[in-house]
Amino acid sequence: MNLFDAFLHTLDVTLPVFAMVFLGILLKRIRWIDTAFISTASMLVFRATMPTLLFLSIIKADLDVALQPGLLFYFLGFSVASFFFAWAWALWRCPVEDRGVFVQGAFRGNCGIVGLALAASTYGTFGLSLGGIMAGSIIVIYNIFSSIVLALYSPGAQSDIRSLLVNLARNPLILCVILAIPFAYFQVSLPTWLMTSGEYFGSMSLPLALICIGGTLSTSALKEGSRLAIDASLWKTVWLPLLGTLGALALGYRGEALGTLFLFLASPTAAVSFVMAKAAHANARLAANIIVISTFSCMLTIATGLFLLKATGLI
């Protein structure tokens, strides 16, 4: 593939995803959607349509191909390591009261929406199936480590073991992955009408979620972005994807597996980090600024990373 073809392929993958984000910004600006709609739609995606999409993608997948324990363990292990990298940086560069928000914003990616959408756009059913397993697994890491670091620096956070376990046990994305794997492993068939209805329902997930992300973004946050927000965004969208991808290359990963891993590592800061920061009585404005800056900046960094990986024949 020549450089021009690699560039066109990169645009084909990234533009449809980020076009939905900009559509959300536009619809909010012209008041076709409002805060109430975004709140309701986001809850619908999280509780119903996204779990349905992940469940169906996994049960239709060939687990011999989509379930890659080595890649999964590397992804989870690097995510844990990235938490400590960001924490070490925060100890050096951040005021004490902002360290929890900084660390969460620097390592917690929006894998369940942006990462998954890009993986599906790039690799179709394979990206959706492998991505679904990765997204369901990383949620456990994100919730545990975010709760710990916010609790250390924000007295209002709930960090007891019981609260963590209850939240994880109730998470629809984790539950759907756990439920789907036996169906896929034993090749349990569902009625055609149920599969078709589920596909209709689940197909709303990614465009609706991306529109909601756009509706929650505020371009004013780009003007108000502090040094801490920019630093955290650089960690999330530049340094961690670079380090994680280089590590995977050293371990011999190539092709679809490497591409999916890169997209997950390069995804912007998760929107739920704002909710957790606010609940912990931490610096919610800093959390919001990190989300906005990382979301806009990842449009460039993901496109650049995909282009380089494609142009060099690594994916």
C-alpha atoms as a PDB file:
ATOM      1  CA  MET A   1       0.000   0.000   0.000  1.00  0.00           C
ATOM      2  CA  ASN A   2       1.472   3.402  -1.005  1.00  0.00           C
ATOM      3  CA  LEU A   3       1.364   6.471   1.230  1.00  0.00           C
ATOM      4  CA  PHE A   4      -1.633   8.029  -0.543  1.00  0.00           C
ATOM      5  CA  ASP A   5      -3.700   4.842  -0.179  1.00  0.00           C
ATOM      6  CA  ALA A   6      -2.700   4.619   3.488  1.00  0.00           C
ATOM      7  CA  PHE A   7      -3.794   8.234   3.977  1.00  0.00           C
ATOM      8  CA  LEU A   8      -7.167   7.616   2.309  1.00  0.00           C
ATOM      9  CA  HIS A   9      -7.719   4.485   4.394  1.00  0.00           C
ATOM     10  CA  THR A  10      -6.987   6.464   7.563  1.00  0.00           C
ATOM     11  CA  LEU A  11      -9.592   9.055   6.606  1.00  0.00           C
ATOM     12  CA  ASP A  12     -12.120   6.325   5.783  1.00  0.00           C
ATOM     13  CA  VAL A  13     -11.696   4.911   9.293  1.00  0.00           C
ATOM     14  CA  THR A  14     -11.523   8.046  11.428  1.00  0.00           C
ATOM     15  CA  LEU A  15     -13.774  10.572   9.694  1.00  0.00           C
ATOM     16  CA  PRO A  16     -17.093   8.676  10.083  1.00  0.00           C
ATOM     17  CA  VAL A  17     -16.497   8.296  13.832  1.00  0.00           C
ATOM     18  CA  PHE A  18     -15.501  11.877  14.506  1.00  0.00           C
ATOM     19  CA  ALA A  19     -18.172  13.199  12.117  1.00  0.00           C
ATOM     20  CA  MET A  20     -20.724  11.846  14.615  1.00  0.00           C
ATOM     21  CA  VAL A  21     -18.977  13.760  17.411  1.00  0.00           C
ATOM     22  CA  PHE A  22     -19.128  17.006  15.414  1.00  0.00           C
ATOM     23  CA  LEU A  23     -22.765  16.264  14.562  1.00  0.00           C
ATOM     24  CA  GLY A  24     -23.460  16.111  18.289  1.00  0.00           C
ATOM     25  CA  ILE A  25     -21.792  19.507  18.753  1.00  0.00           C
ATOM     26  CA  LEU A  26     -23.903  20.955  15.923  1.00  0.00           C
ATOM     27  CA  LEU A  27     -27.186  19.470  17.143  1.00  0.00           C
ATOM     28  CA  LYS A  28     -26.572  20.835  20.637  1.00  0.00           C
ATOM     29  CA  ARG A  29     -25.669  24.254  19.285  1.00  0.00           C
ATOM     30  CA  ILE A  30     -28.852  24.530  17.180  1.00  0.00           C
ATOM     31  CA  ARG A  31     -30.818  23.108  20.138  1.00  0.00           C
ATOM     32  CA  TRP A  32     -32.155  20.018  18.436  1.00  0.00           C
ATOM     33  CA  ILE A  33     -30.843  18.055  21.396  1.00  0.00           C
ATOM     34  CA  ASP A  34     -30.493  19.229  24.987  1.00  0.00           C
ATOM     35  CA  THR A  35     -28.997  18.118  28.285  1.00  0.00           C
ATOM     36  CA  ALA A  36     -32.035  16.012  29.166  1.00  0.00           C
ATOM     37  CA  PHE A  37     -31.847  14.132  25.857  1.00  0.00           C
ATOM     38  CA  ILE A  38     -28.119  13.544  26.238  1.00  0.00           C
ATOM     39  CA  SER A  39     -28.569  12.230  29.776  1.00  0.00           C
ATOM     40  CA  THR A  40     -31.377   9.849  28.771  1.00  0.00           C
ATOM     41  CA  ALA A  41     -29.662   8.679  25.587  1.00  0.00           C
ATOM     42  CA  SER A  42     -26.355   8.087  27.371  1.00  0.00           C
ATOM     43  CA  MET A  43     -28.092   5.987  29.991  1.00  0.00           C
ATOM     44  CA  LEU A  44     -29.898   3.989  27.285  1.00  0.00           C
ATOM     45  CA  VAL A  45     -26.605   3.293  25.533  1.00  0.00           C
ATOM     46  CA  PHE A  46     -24.828   2.272  28.729  1.00  0.00           C
ATOM     47  CA  ARG A  47     -27.591   0.081  30.132  1.00  0.00           C
ATOM     48  CA  ALA A  48     -29.130  -1.449  27.026  1.00  0.00           C
ATOM     49  CA  THR A  49     -27.970  -0.815  23.464  1.00  0.00           C
ATOM     50  CA  MET A  50     -24.198  -1.118  24.015  1.00  0.00           C
ATOM     51  CA  PRO A  51     -24.480  -4.358  26.047  1.00  0.00           C
ATOM     52  CA  THR A  52     -26.716  -5.745  23.284  1.00  0.00           C
ATOM     53  CA  LEU A  53     -24.193  -4.784  20.607  1.00  0.00           C
ATOM     54  CA  LEU A  54     -21.287  -6.347  22.511  1.00  0.00           C
ATOM     55  CA  PHE A  55     -23.244  -9.507  23.326  1.00  0.00           C
ATOM     56  CA  LEU A  56     -24.222 -10.110  19.706  1.00  0.00           C
ATOM     57  CA  SER A  57     -20.760  -9.322  18.348  1.00  0.00           C
ATOM     58  CA  ILE A  58     -19.149 -11.811  20.738  1.00  0.00           C
ATOM     59  CA  ILE A  59     -21.602 -14.660  20.169  1.00  0.00           C
ATOM     60  CA  LYS A  60     -21.159 -14.290  16.411  1.00  0.00           C
ATOM     61  CA  ALA A  61     -17.375 -14.191  16.699  1.00  0.00           C
ATOM     62  CA  ASP A  62     -14.896 -16.965  16.187  1.00  0.00           C
ATOM     63  CA  LEU A  63     -13.346 -17.031  19.666  1.00  0.00           C
ATOM     64  CA  ASP A  64     -10.290 -18.850  18.333  1.00  0.00           C
ATOM     65  CA  VAL A  65      -9.544 -15.639  16.456  1.00  0.00           C
ATOM     66  CA  ALA A  66     -11.176 -12.887  18.523  1.00  0.00           C
ATOM     67  CA  LEU A  67     -10.217 -14.142  21.996  1.00  0.00           C
ATOM     68  CA  GLN A  68      -6.501 -13.438  22.288  1.00  0.00           C
ATOM     69  CA  PRO A  69      -5.401 -13.934  25.917  1.00  0.00           C
ATOM     70  CA  GLY A  70      -1.842 -12.737  25.303  1.00  0.00           C
ATOM     71  CA  LEU A  71      -2.974  -9.447  23.778  1.00  0.00           C
ATOM     72  CA  LEU A  72      -5.653  -9.008  26.441  1.00  0.00           C
ATOM     73  CA  PHE A  73      -3.201  -9.538  29.305  1.00  0.00           C
ATOM     74  CA  TYR A  74      -0.724  -7.158  27.683  1.00  0.00           C
ATOM     75  CA  PHE A  75      -3.432  -4.501  27.302  1.00  0.00           C
ATOM     76  CA  LEU A  76      -4.577  -4.859  30.908  1.00  0.00           C
ATOM     77  CA  GLY A  77      -1.007  -5.008  32.219  1.00  0.00           C
ATOM     78  CA  PHE A  78       0.059  -1.925  30.293  1.00  0.00           C
ATOM     79  CA  SER A  79      -3.060  -0.083  31.489  1.00  0.00           C
ATOM     80  CA  VAL A  80      -2.089  -0.813  35.089  1.00  0.00           C
ATOM     81  CA  ALA A  81       1.479   0.324  34.362  1.00  0.00           C
ATOM     82  CA  SER A  82       0.160   3.508  32.730  1.00  0.00           C
ATOM     83  CA  PHE A  83      -1.739   4.287  35.925  1.00  0.00           C
ATOM     84  CA  PHE A  84       1.519   4.253  37.878  1.00  0.00           C
ATOM     85  CA  PHE A  85       3.351   6.224  35.163  1.00  0.00           C
ATOM     86  CA  ALA A  86       0.706   8.960  35.361  1.00  0.00           C
ATOM     87  CA  TRP A  87       0.726   8.873  39.161  1.00  0.00           C
ATOM     88  CA  ALA A  88       4.509   9.284  39.289  1.00  0.00           C
ATOM     89  CA  TRP A  89       4.217  12.295  36.980  1.00  0.00           C
ATOM     90  CA  ALA A  90       1.413  13.736  39.126  1.00  0.00           C
ATOM     91  CA  LEU A  91       3.530  13.442  42.273  1.00  0.00           C
ATOM     92  CA  TRP A  92       6.147  15.580  40.553  1.00  0.00           C
ATOM     93  CA  ARG A  93       4.010  18.089  38.662  1.00  0.00           C
ATOM     94  CA  CYS A  94       0.538  18.366  40.250  1.00  0.00           C
ATOM     95  CA  PRO A  95      -0.838  20.110  43.324  1.00  0.00           C
ATOM     96  CA  VAL A  96      -1.888  17.532  45.900  1.00  0.00           C
ATOM     97  CA  GLU A  97      -5.618  18.235  45.543  1.00  0.00           C
ATOM     98  CA  ASP A  98      -5.571  17.698  41.750  1.00  0.00           C
ATOM     99  CA  ARG A  99      -3.485  14.532  41.588  1.00  0.00           C
ATOM    100  CA  GLY A 100      -6.429  12.111  41.611  1.00  0.00           C
ATOM    101  CA  VAL A 101      -8.235  13.884  38.767  1.00  0.00           C
ATOM    102  CA  PHE A 102      -5.011  14.180  36.752  1.00  0.00           C
ATOM    103  CA  VAL A 103      -4.138  10.490  37.080  1.00  0.00           C
ATOM    104  CA  GLN A 104      -7.650   9.339  36.168  1.00  0.00           C
ATOM    105  CA  GLY A 105      -7.765  11.650  33.146  1.00  0.00           C
ATOM    106  CA  ALA A 106      -4.317  10.572  31.968  1.00  0.00           C
ATOM    107  CA  PHE A 107      -4.888   6.800  32.011  1.00  0.00           C
ATOM    108  CA  ARG A 108      -8.645   6.166  31.721  1.00  0.00           C
ATOM    109  CA  GLY A 109      -9.643   5.822  28.063  1.00  0.00           C
ATOM    110  CA  ASN A 110     -13.019   5.966  26.363  1.00  0.00           C
ATOM    111  CA  CYS A 111     -12.595   2.404  25.112  1.00  0.00           C
ATOM    112  CA  GLY A 112     -16.251   1.412  25.297  1.00  0.00           C
ATOM    113  CA  ILE A 113     -17.358   4.054  22.787  1.00  0.00           C
ATOM    114  CA  VAL A 114     -14.583   5.745  20.800  1.00  0.00           C
ATOM    115  CA  GLY A 115     -12.130   2.827  20.887  1.00  0.00           C
ATOM    116  CA  LEU A 116     -14.846   0.332  20.037  1.00  0.00           C
ATOM    117  CA  ALA A 117     -16.290   2.500  17.268  1.00  0.00           C
ATOM    118  CA  LEU A 118     -12.884   2.891  15.642  1.00  0.00           C
ATOM    119  CA  ALA A 119     -12.113  -0.826  15.977  1.00  0.00           C
ATOM    120  CA  ALA A 120     -15.458  -1.702  14.375  1.00  0.00           C
ATOM    121  CA  SER A 121     -14.922   0.851  11.615  1.00  0.00           C
ATOM    122  CA  THR A 122     -11.436  -0.483  10.894  1.00  0.00           C
ATOM    123  CA  TYR A 123     -11.810  -4.255  11.300  1.00  0.00           C
ATOM    124  CA  GLY A 124     -15.547  -4.931  11.227  1.00  0.00           C
ATOM    125  CA  THR A 125     -16.767  -7.957  13.182  1.00  0.00           C
ATOM    126  CA  PHE A 126     -13.246  -8.887  14.310  1.00  0.00           C
ATOM    127  CA  GLY A 127     -12.635  -5.412  15.754  1.00  0.00           C
ATOM    128  CA  LEU A 128     -16.039  -5.372  17.415  1.00  0.00           C
ATOM    129  CA  SER A 129     -15.593  -8.839  18.936  1.00  0.00           C
ATOM    130  CA  LEU A 130     -12.006  -8.414  20.157  1.00  0.00           C
ATOM    131  CA  GLY A 131     -12.794  -4.847  21.159  1.00  0.00           C
ATOM    132  CA  GLY A 132     -15.864  -5.945  23.103  1.00  0.00           C
ATOM    133  CA  ILE A 133     -13.797  -8.383  25.181  1.00  0.00           C
ATOM    134  CA  MET A 134     -11.109  -5.753  25.744  1.00  0.00           C
ATOM    135  CA  ALA A 135     -13.661  -3.087  26.698  1.00  0.00           C
ATOM    136  CA  GLY A 136     -15.472  -5.356  29.137  1.00  0.00           C
ATOM    137  CA  SER A 137     -12.197  -6.331  30.801  1.00  0.00           C
ATOM    138  CA  ILE A 138     -10.610  -2.891  31.067  1.00  0.00           C
ATOM    139  CA  ILE A 139     -13.672  -1.454  32.809  1.00  0.00           C
ATOM    140  CA  VAL A 140     -12.714  -3.464  35.892  1.00  0.00           C
ATOM    141  CA  ILE A 141      -9.208  -1.951  35.911  1.00  0.00           C
ATOM    142  CA  TYR A 142     -10.470   1.574  35.292  1.00  0.00           C
ATOM    143  CA  ASN A 143     -13.074   1.470  38.061  1.00  0.00           C
ATOM    144  CA  ILE A 144     -10.788  -0.009  40.702  1.00  0.00           C
ATOM    145  CA  PHE A 145      -7.758   2.209  40.106  1.00  0.00           C
ATOM    146  CA  SER A 146      -9.755   5.403  39.515  1.00  0.00           C
ATOM    147  CA  SER A 147     -11.668   4.857  42.759  1.00  0.00           C
ATOM    148  CA  ILE A 148      -8.427   4.298  44.668  1.00  0.00           C
ATOM    149  CA  VAL A 149      -6.587   7.381  43.406  1.00  0.00           C
ATOM    150  CA  LEU A 150      -9.630   9.656  43.788  1.00  0.00           C
ATOM    151  CA  ALA A 151     -10.171   8.397  47.324  1.00  0.00           C
ATOM    152  CA  LEU A 152      -6.557   9.145  48.260  1.00  0.00           C
ATOM    153  CA  TYR A 153      -6.787  12.772  47.172  1.00  0.00           C
ATOM    154  CA  SER A 154     -10.554  13.429  47.374  1.00  0.00           C
ATOM    155  CA  PRO A 155     -12.199  12.634  50.728  1.00  0.00           C
ATOM    156  CA  GLY A 156     -15.678  12.460  49.186  1.00  0.00           C
ATOM    157  CA  ALA A 157     -14.918   9.362  47.083  1.00  0.00           C
ATOM    158  CA  GLN A 158     -16.259   5.919  47.969  1.00  0.00           C
ATOM    159  CA  SER A 159     -13.361   3.492  47.974  1.00  0.00           C
ATOM    160  CA  ASP A 160     -14.419   0.642  50.227  1.00  0.00           C
ATOM    161  CA  ILE A 161     -14.273  -2.861  48.804  1.00  0.00           C
ATOM    162  CA  ARG A 162     -18.022  -3.378  49.028  1.00  0.00           C
ATOM    163  CA  SER A 163     -18.803  -0.273  46.919  1.00  0.00           C
ATOM    164  CA  LEU A 164     -16.260  -1.296  44.276  1.00  0.00           C
ATOM    165  CA  LEU A 165     -17.597  -4.844  44.038  1.00  0.00           C
ATOM    166  CA  VAL A 166     -21.224  -3.692  43.850  1.00  0.00           C
ATOM    167  CA  ASN A 167     -20.423  -1.220  41.070  1.00  0.00           C
ATOM    168  CA  LEU A 168     -18.510  -3.835  39.085  1.00  0.00           C
ATOM    169  CA  ALA A 169     -21.208  -6.476  39.568  1.00  0.00           C
ATOM    170  CA  ARG A 170     -23.846  -4.074  38.262  1.00  0.00           C
ATOM    171  CA  ASN A 171     -21.876  -2.848  35.245  1.00  0.00           C
ATOM    172  CA  PRO A 172     -23.862  -3.894  32.131  1.00  0.00           C
ATOM    173  CA  LEU A 173     -20.797  -3.975  29.866  1.00  0.00           C
ATOM    174  CA  ILE A 174     -18.971  -6.421  32.117  1.00  0.00           C
ATOM    175  CA  LEU A 175     -22.078  -8.570  32.573  1.00  0.00           C
ATOM    176  CA  CYS A 176     -22.779  -8.814  28.844  1.00  0.00           C
ATOM    177  CA  VAL A 177     -19.218  -9.960  28.077  1.00  0.00           C
ATOM    178  CA  ILE A 178     -19.347 -12.607  30.834  1.00  0.00           C
ATOM    179  CA  LEU A 179     -22.726 -13.809  29.572  1.00  0.00           C
ATOM    180  CA  ALA A 180     -21.740 -13.840  25.897  1.00  0.00           C
ATOM    181  CA  ILE A 181     -18.548 -15.909  26.117  1.00  0.00           C
ATOM    182  CA  PRO A 182     -20.327 -19.206  27.050  1.00  0.00           C
ATOM    183  CA  PHE A 183     -22.834 -18.626  24.218  1.00  0.00           C
ATOM    184  CA  ALA A 184     -19.956 -18.180  21.783  1.00  0.00           C
ATOM    185  CA  TYR A 185     -17.880 -21.050  23.175  1.00  0.00           C
ATOM    186  CA  PHE A 186     -20.735 -23.595  23.049  1.00  0.00           C
ATOM    187  CA  GLN A 187     -22.100 -22.068  19.812  1.00  0.00           C
ATOM    188  CA  VAL A 188     -25.587 -21.567  21.201  1.00  0.00           C
ATOM    189  CA  SER A 189     -27.934 -20.408  18.433  1.00  0.00           C
ATOM    190  CA  LEU A 190     -30.575 -17.763  19.030  1.00  0.00           C
ATOM    191  CA  PRO A 191     -33.776 -17.420  16.932  1.00  0.00           C
ATOM    192  CA  THR A 192     -33.282 -15.429  13.754  1.00  0.00           C
ATOM    193  CA  TRP A 193     -35.979 -12.911  14.673  1.00  0.00           C
ATOM    194  CA  LEU A 194     -34.280 -12.278  18.021  1.00  0.00           C
ATOM    195  CA  MET A 195     -30.877 -11.801  16.427  1.00  0.00           C
ATOM    196  CA  THR A 196     -32.310  -9.378  13.845  1.00  0.00           C
ATOM    197  CA  SER A 197     -34.194  -7.377  16.468  1.00  0.00           C
ATOM    198  CA  GLY A 198     -31.102  -7.286  18.644  1.00  0.00           C
ATOM    199  CA  GLU A 199     -28.995  -6.042  15.746  1.00  0.00           C
ATOM    200  CA  TYR A 200     -31.493  -3.244  15.070  1.00  0.00           C
ATOM    201  CA  PHE A 201     -31.401  -2.261  18.728  1.00  0.00           C
ATOM    202  CA  GLY A 202     -27.641  -2.582  19.191  1.00  0.00           C
ATOM    203  CA  SER A 203     -26.805  -0.715  15.990  1.00  0.00           C
ATOM    204  CA  MET A 204     -28.010   2.507  17.636  1.00  0.00           C
ATOM    205  CA  SER A 205     -25.208   2.341  20.192  1.00  0.00           C
ATOM    206  CA  LEU A 206     -22.172   3.813  18.499  1.00  0.00           C
ATOM    207  CA  PRO A 207     -23.752   6.714  16.553  1.00  0.00           C
ATOM    208  CA  LEU A 208     -25.967   7.670  19.502  1.00  0.00           C
ATOM    209  CA  ALA A 209     -23.088   7.496  21.977  1.00  0.00           C
ATOM    210  CA  LEU A 210     -20.802   9.551  19.728  1.00  0.00           C
ATOM    211  CA  ILE A 211     -23.498  12.190  19.225  1.00  0.00           C
ATOM    212  CA  CYS A 212     -23.930  12.379  23.005  1.00  0.00           C
ATOM    213  CA  ILE A 213     -20.184  12.879  23.432  1.00  0.00           C
ATOM    214  CA  GLY A 214     -20.318  15.754  20.960  1.00  0.00           C
ATOM    215  CA  GLY A 215     -23.309  17.235  22.758  1.00  0.00           C
ATOM    216  CA  THR A 216     -21.441  17.301  26.057  1.00  0.00           C
ATOM    217  CA  LEU A 217     -18.273  18.927  24.677  1.00  0.00           C
ATOM    218  CA  SER A 218     -17.706  22.624  25.154  1.00  0.00           C
ATOM    219  CA  THR A 219     -15.225  24.390  22.902  1.00  0.00           C
ATOM    220  CA  SER A 220     -14.775  27.010  25.619  1.00  0.00           C
ATOM    221  CA  ALA A 221     -12.899  24.377  27.598  1.00  0.00           C
ATOM    222  CA  LEU A 222     -10.199  24.469  24.931  1.00  0.00           C
ATOM    223  CA  LYS A 223      -9.623  28.162  25.707  1.00  0.00           C
ATOM    224  CA  GLU A 224      -9.701  27.542  29.451  1.00  0.00           C
ATOM    225  CA  GLY A 225      -7.453  24.479  29.300  1.00  0.00           C
ATOM    226  CA  SER A 226      -4.869  24.585  32.058  1.00  0.00           C
ATOM    227  CA  ARG A 227      -1.330  23.234  31.964  1.00  0.00           C
ATOM    228  CA  LEU A 228      -2.498  20.208  33.971  1.00  0.00           C
ATOM    229  CA  ALA A 229      -5.315  19.454  31.510  1.00  0.00           C
ATOM    230  CA  ILE A 230      -2.929  19.692  28.557  1.00  0.00           C
ATOM    231  CA  ASP A 231      -0.356  17.482  30.306  1.00  0.00           C
ATOM    232  CA  ALA A 232      -2.954  14.823  31.119  1.00  0.00           C
ATOM    233  CA  SER A 233      -4.278  14.920  27.549  1.00  0.00           C
ATOM    234  CA  LEU A 234      -0.765  14.472  26.146  1.00  0.00           C
ATOM    235  CA  TRP A 235      -0.281  11.452  28.387  1.00  0.00           C
ATOM    236  CA  LYS A 236      -3.574   9.952  27.211  1.00  0.00           C
ATOM    237  CA  THR A 237      -3.359  10.642  23.497  1.00  0.00           C
ATOM    238  CA  VAL A 238       0.397  10.681  22.765  1.00  0.00           C
ATOM    239  CA  TRP A 239       2.766   9.144  25.301  1.00  0.00           C
ATOM    240  CA  LEU A 240       0.769   6.115  26.472  1.00  0.00           C
ATOM    241  CA  PRO A 241      -0.308   5.012  22.954  1.00  0.00           C
ATOM    242  CA  LEU A 242       3.281   5.449  21.765  1.00  0.00           C
ATOM    243  CA  LEU A 243       4.793   3.437  24.625  1.00  0.00           C
ATOM    244  CA  GLY A 244       2.082   0.768  24.520  1.00  0.00           C
ATOM    245  CA  THR A 245       2.317   0.276  20.759  1.00  0.00           C
ATOM    246  CA  LEU A 246       6.116   0.094  20.827  1.00  0.00           C
ATOM    247  CA  GLY A 247       5.889  -2.530  23.572  1.00  0.00           C
ATOM    248  CA  ALA A 248       3.425  -4.579  21.530  1.00  0.00           C
ATOM    249  CA  LEU A 249       5.674  -4.344  18.481  1.00  0.00           C
ATOM    250  CA  ALA A 250       8.585  -5.623  20.551  1.00  0.00           C
ATOM    251  CA  LEU A 251       6.440  -8.606  21.567  1.00  0.00           C
ATOM    252  CA  GLY A 252       5.721  -9.402  17.914  1.00  0.00           C
ATOM    253  CA  TYR A 253       2.127  -8.171  17.503  1.00  0.00           C
ATOM    254  CA  ARG A 254       1.165  -7.082  14.012  1.00  0.00           C
ATOM    255  CA  GLY A 255      -1.918  -6.670  11.819  1.00  0.00           C
ATOM    256  CA  GLU A 256      -5.450  -6.474  13.185  1.00  0.00           C
ATOM    257  CA  ALA A 257      -4.437  -7.234  16.774  1.00  0.00           C
ATOM    258  CA  LEU A 258      -1.897  -4.404  16.840  1.00  0.00           C
ATOM    259  CA  GLY A 259      -4.308  -2.000  15.154  1.00  0.00           C
ATOM    260  CA  THR A 260      -7.098  -2.721  17.627  1.00  0.00           C
ATOM    261  CA  LEU A 261      -4.704  -2.349  20.556  1.00  0.00           C
ATOM    262  CA  PHE A 262      -3.474   1.016  19.253  1.00  0.00           C
ATOM    263  CA  LEU A 263      -7.024   2.326  18.826  1.00  0.00           C
ATOM    264  CA  PHE A 264      -7.900   1.387  22.397  1.00  0.00           C
ATOM    265  CA  LEU A 265      -4.716   2.871  23.845  1.00  0.00           C
ATOM    266  CA  ALA A 266      -5.150   6.081  21.836  1.00  0.00           C
ATOM    267  CA  SER A 267      -8.811   6.677  22.712  1.00  0.00           C
ATOM    268  CA  PRO A 268      -9.500   9.949  24.578  1.00  0.00           C
ATOM    269  CA  THR A 269     -10.273  10.278  28.277  1.00  0.00           C
ATOM    270  CA  ALA A 270     -13.564   8.634  29.257  1.00  0.00           C
ATOM    271  CA  ALA A 271     -16.492  10.961  29.913  1.00  0.00           C
ATOM    272  CA  VAL A 272     -17.336   9.049  33.093  1.00  0.00           C
ATOM    273  CA  SER A 273     -14.163  10.464  34.665  1.00  0.00           C
ATOM    274  CA  PHE A 274     -16.025  13.775  35.064  1.00  0.00           C
ATOM    275  CA  VAL A 275     -18.889  12.018  36.863  1.00  0.00           C
ATOM    276  CA  MET A 276     -16.509  10.256  39.231  1.00  0.00           C
ATOM    277  CA  ALA A 277     -14.543  13.428  39.934  1.00  0.00           C
ATOM    278  CA  LYS A 278     -17.732  15.341  40.714  1.00  0.00           C
ATOM    279  CA  ALA A 279     -19.008  12.576  43.006  1.00  0.00           C
ATOM    280  CA  ALA A 280     -15.673  12.622  44.843  1.00  0.00           C
ATOM    281  CA  HIS A 281     -15.879  16.427  45.302  1.00  0.00           C
ATOM    282  CA  ALA A 282     -12.654  16.749  43.333  1.00  0.00           C
ATOM    283  CA  ASN A 283     -11.741  19.307  40.652  1.00  0.00           C
ATOM    284  CA  ALA A 284     -14.575  18.609  38.191  1.00  0.00           C
ATOM    285  CA  ARG A 285     -13.577  21.536  35.949  1.00  0.00           C
ATOM    286  CA  LEU A 286     -10.124  20.007  35.442  1.00  0.00           C
ATOM    287  CA  ALA A 287     -11.751  16.650  34.652  1.00  0.00           C
ATOM    288  CA  ALA A 288     -14.029  18.280  32.054  1.00  0.00           C
ATOM    289  CA  ASN A 289     -11.133  20.144  30.440  1.00  0.00           C
ATOM    290  CA  ILE A 290      -9.105  16.932  30.124  1.00  0.00           C
ATOM    291  CA  ILE A 291     -12.040  15.178  28.418  1.00  0.00           C
ATOM    292  CA  VAL A 292     -12.541  17.990  25.901  1.00  0.00           C
ATOM    293  CA  ILE A 293      -8.860  18.535  25.073  1.00  0.00           C
ATOM    294  CA  SER A 294      -8.100  14.816  24.760  1.00  0.00           C
ATOM    295  CA  THR A 295     -11.176  14.242  22.566  1.00  0.00           C
ATOM    296  CA  PHE A 296     -10.249  16.968  20.107  1.00  0.00           C
ATOM    297  CA  SER A 297      -6.528  16.150  20.120  1.00  0.00           C
ATOM    298  CA  CYS A 298      -7.066  12.412  19.578  1.00  0.00           C
ATOM    299  CA  MET A 299      -8.631  13.164  16.208  1.00  0.00           C
ATOM    300  CA  LEU A 300      -5.161  14.168  15.052  1.00  0.00           C
ATOM    301  CA  THR A 301      -3.107  11.644  17.033  1.00  0.00           C
ATOM    302  CA  ILE A 302      -5.225   8.622  16.080  1.00  0.00           C
ATOM    303  CA  ALA A 303      -5.224   9.583  12.408  1.00  0.00           C
ATOM    304  CA  THR A 304      -1.452  10.112  12.505  1.00  0.00           C
ATOM    305  CA  GLY A 305      -0.813   6.838  14.329  1.00  0.00           C
ATOM    306  CA  LEU A 306      -3.014   4.821  11.984  1.00  0.00           C
ATOM    307  CA  PHE A 307      -1.368   6.399   8.955  1.00  0.00           C
ATOM    308  CA  LEU A 308       2.146   5.586  10.197  1.00  0.00           C
ATOM    309  CA  LEU A 309       1.248   2.008  11.112  1.00  0.00           C
ATOM    310  CA  LYS A 310      -0.493   1.501   7.775  1.00  0.00           C
ATOM    311  CA  ALA A 311       2.230   3.131   5.739  1.00  0.00           C
ATOM    312  CA  THR A 312       4.917   0.973   7.331  1.00  0.00           C
ATOM    313  CA  GLY A 313       2.910  -2.223   6.763  1.00  0.00           C
ATOM    314  CA  LEU A 314       2.566  -3.020  10.471  1.00  0.00           C
ATOM    315  CA  ILE A 315      -1.261  -3.195  10.321  1.00  0.00           C
END
